[in-house]
């Protein structure tokens, strides 16, 4: 079962850099969604991948 992890971002570059890092780590593009209106990046992954996603968010300062 997948869980959705949300990270708020401050600007588009921050979201794009995080997106690129998520893709490079093997997360499928279909599992990543950027809500530009709400400035939130959402990632749907298995529960066991949550720690890795949170580390990527932390590296890019998503809150």
N, C-alpha and C. Protein backbone atom coordinates (compact mmCIF):
# COMPACT_ATOMS: atom_id res chain seq x y z
N UNK A 1 0.84 -1.18 0.00
CA UNK A 1 0.00 0.00 0.00
C UNK A 1 0.88 1.24 0.00
N UNK A 2 0.51 2.20 -0.82
CA UNK A 2 1.27 3.45 -0.92
C UNK A 2 0.79 4.48 0.09
N UNK A 3 1.70 5.36 0.44
CA UNK A 3 1.40 6.51 1.27
C UNK A 3 1.79 7.75 0.49
N UNK A 4 1.12 8.86 0.73
CA UNK A 4 1.45 10.11 0.06
C UNK A 4 2.17 11.03 1.02
N UNK A 5 3.32 11.52 0.57
CA UNK A 5 4.14 12.42 1.37
C UNK A 5 4.11 13.78 0.69
N UNK A 6 3.79 14.81 1.46
CA UNK A 6 3.69 16.17 0.93
C UNK A 6 4.83 17.03 1.45
N UNK A 7 5.33 17.90 0.60
CA UNK A 7 6.33 18.87 1.00
C UNK A 7 6.03 20.20 0.37
N UNK A 8 5.91 21.23 1.21
CA UNK A 8 5.66 22.57 0.70
C UNK A 8 6.98 23.18 0.24
N UNK A 9 6.92 23.92 -0.86
CA UNK A 9 8.13 24.55 -1.39
C UNK A 9 7.92 26.04 -1.51
N UNK A 10 9.03 26.77 -1.62
CA UNK A 10 8.98 28.23 -1.67
C UNK A 10 8.98 28.80 -3.08
N UNK A 11 9.62 28.07 -4.03
CA UNK A 11 9.67 28.58 -5.39
C UNK A 11 9.75 27.41 -6.37
N UNK A 12 9.53 27.71 -7.63
CA UNK A 12 9.47 26.66 -8.65
C UNK A 12 10.80 25.93 -8.80
N UNK A 13 11.92 26.64 -8.70
CA UNK A 13 13.23 26.00 -8.82
C UNK A 13 13.44 24.95 -7.73
N UNK A 14 13.01 25.26 -6.54
CA UNK A 14 13.12 24.32 -5.42
C UNK A 14 12.31 23.06 -5.73
N UNK A 15 11.10 23.23 -6.24
CA UNK A 15 10.25 22.09 -6.58
C UNK A 15 10.86 21.28 -7.72
N UNK A 16 11.39 21.95 -8.74
CA UNK A 16 11.98 21.27 -9.89
C UNK A 16 13.22 20.49 -9.49
N UNK A 17 14.06 21.07 -8.66
CA UNK A 17 15.26 20.37 -8.20
C UNK A 17 14.90 19.14 -7.37
N UNK A 18 13.87 19.26 -6.55
CA UNK A 18 13.41 18.12 -5.76
C UNK A 18 12.86 17.04 -6.68
N UNK A 19 12.05 17.45 -7.66
CA UNK A 19 11.49 16.53 -8.66
C UNK A 19 12.63 15.74 -9.33
N UNK A 20 13.65 16.46 -9.79
CA UNK A 20 14.78 15.81 -10.46
C UNK A 20 15.47 14.79 -9.55
N UNK A 21 15.64 15.15 -8.29
CA UNK A 21 16.29 14.25 -7.33
C UNK A 21 15.41 13.01 -7.08
N UNK A 22 14.11 13.20 -7.00
CA UNK A 22 13.19 12.06 -6.81
C UNK A 22 13.27 11.10 -8.00
N UNK A 23 13.27 11.65 -9.21
CA UNK A 23 13.37 10.83 -10.42
C UNK A 23 14.71 10.07 -10.42
N UNK A 24 15.79 10.77 -10.08
CA UNK A 24 17.12 10.15 -10.06
C UNK A 24 17.20 9.02 -9.03
N UNK A 25 16.40 9.11 -7.97
CA UNK A 25 16.41 8.07 -6.95
C UNK A 25 15.54 6.87 -7.32
N UNK A 26 14.86 6.96 -8.47
CA UNK A 26 14.08 5.83 -8.95
C UNK A 26 12.58 5.93 -8.75
N UNK A 27 12.09 7.06 -8.26
CA UNK A 27 10.65 7.24 -8.08
C UNK A 27 10.03 7.46 -9.46
N UNK A 28 9.00 6.68 -9.84
CA UNK A 28 8.36 6.87 -11.15
C UNK A 28 7.71 8.26 -11.26
N UNK A 29 7.81 8.85 -12.43
CA UNK A 29 7.21 10.18 -12.68
C UNK A 29 5.72 10.21 -12.35
N UNK A 30 5.04 9.12 -12.60
CA UNK A 30 3.60 9.06 -12.33
C UNK A 30 3.28 9.13 -10.84
N UNK A 31 4.28 8.97 -9.99
CA UNK A 31 4.06 9.00 -8.54
C UNK A 31 4.38 10.36 -7.93
N UNK A 32 4.75 11.33 -8.78
CA UNK A 32 5.13 12.66 -8.30
C UNK A 32 4.19 13.69 -8.91
N UNK A 33 3.67 14.57 -8.07
CA UNK A 33 2.75 15.61 -8.54
C UNK A 33 3.13 16.94 -7.91
N UNK A 34 3.25 17.97 -8.73
CA UNK A 34 3.51 19.32 -8.24
C UNK A 34 2.21 20.13 -8.35
N UNK A 35 1.72 20.58 -7.21
CA UNK A 35 0.54 21.45 -7.16
C UNK A 35 1.06 22.88 -7.07
N UNK A 36 1.17 23.54 -8.23
CA UNK A 36 1.77 24.88 -8.27
C UNK A 36 0.91 25.92 -7.55
N UNK A 37 -0.38 25.74 -7.56
CA UNK A 37 -1.25 26.71 -6.89
C UNK A 37 -1.04 26.67 -5.37
N UNK A 38 -0.96 25.46 -4.82
CA UNK A 38 -0.77 25.31 -3.37
C UNK A 38 0.70 25.30 -2.97
N UNK A 39 1.61 25.25 -3.97
CA UNK A 39 3.05 25.15 -3.74
C UNK A 39 3.40 23.93 -2.88
N UNK A 40 2.87 22.77 -3.32
CA UNK A 40 3.10 21.52 -2.63
C UNK A 40 3.54 20.46 -3.64
N UNK A 41 4.57 19.71 -3.28
CA UNK A 41 5.01 18.58 -4.07
C UNK A 41 4.53 17.32 -3.35
N UNK A 42 3.84 16.44 -4.06
CA UNK A 42 3.26 15.23 -3.48
C UNK A 42 3.90 14.01 -4.12
N UNK A 43 4.27 13.04 -3.28
CA UNK A 43 4.90 11.82 -3.76
C UNK A 43 4.16 10.62 -3.18
N UNK A 44 3.76 9.71 -4.04
CA UNK A 44 3.09 8.48 -3.62
C UNK A 44 4.07 7.32 -3.73
N UNK A 45 4.41 6.73 -2.57
CA UNK A 45 5.39 5.65 -2.52
C UNK A 45 4.96 4.62 -1.48
N UNK A 46 5.56 3.41 -1.57
CA UNK A 46 5.33 2.44 -0.49
C UNK A 46 5.83 2.99 0.84
N UNK A 47 5.20 2.60 1.91
CA UNK A 47 5.53 3.10 3.25
C UNK A 47 7.03 2.97 3.55
N UNK A 48 7.65 1.88 3.09
CA UNK A 48 9.07 1.66 3.40
C UNK A 48 9.99 2.66 2.69
N UNK A 49 9.51 3.40 1.71
CA UNK A 49 10.32 4.41 1.01
C UNK A 49 10.15 5.80 1.61
N UNK A 50 9.29 5.92 2.60
CA UNK A 50 8.99 7.24 3.17
C UNK A 50 10.24 7.94 3.71
N UNK A 51 11.10 7.21 4.39
CA UNK A 51 12.30 7.82 4.96
C UNK A 51 13.17 8.46 3.88
N UNK A 52 13.36 7.75 2.76
CA UNK A 52 14.18 8.27 1.66
C UNK A 52 13.58 9.55 1.09
N UNK A 53 12.25 9.58 0.94
CA UNK A 53 11.58 10.76 0.40
C UNK A 53 11.76 11.94 1.36
N UNK A 54 11.59 11.70 2.64
CA UNK A 54 11.75 12.77 3.63
C UNK A 54 13.19 13.31 3.63
N UNK A 55 14.17 12.43 3.41
CA UNK A 55 15.56 12.87 3.32
C UNK A 55 15.77 13.77 2.10
N UNK A 56 15.15 13.40 0.99
CA UNK A 56 15.24 14.23 -0.23
C UNK A 56 14.57 15.58 0.02
N UNK A 57 13.40 15.56 0.65
CA UNK A 57 12.71 16.82 0.97
C UNK A 57 13.59 17.68 1.86
N UNK A 58 14.21 17.08 2.87
CA UNK A 58 15.07 17.82 3.79
C UNK A 58 16.26 18.43 3.06
N UNK A 59 16.84 17.67 2.14
CA UNK A 59 17.99 18.14 1.37
C UNK A 59 17.63 19.39 0.56
N UNK A 60 16.38 19.47 0.11
CA UNK A 60 15.92 20.60 -0.69
C UNK A 60 15.12 21.61 0.13
N UNK A 61 15.07 21.39 1.43
CA UNK A 61 14.41 22.30 2.38
C UNK A 61 12.90 22.42 2.17
N UNK A 62 12.26 21.34 1.73
CA UNK A 62 10.80 21.35 1.66
C UNK A 62 10.27 21.14 3.07
N UNK A 63 9.20 21.80 3.37
CA UNK A 63 8.64 21.70 4.73
C UNK A 63 7.19 21.33 4.67
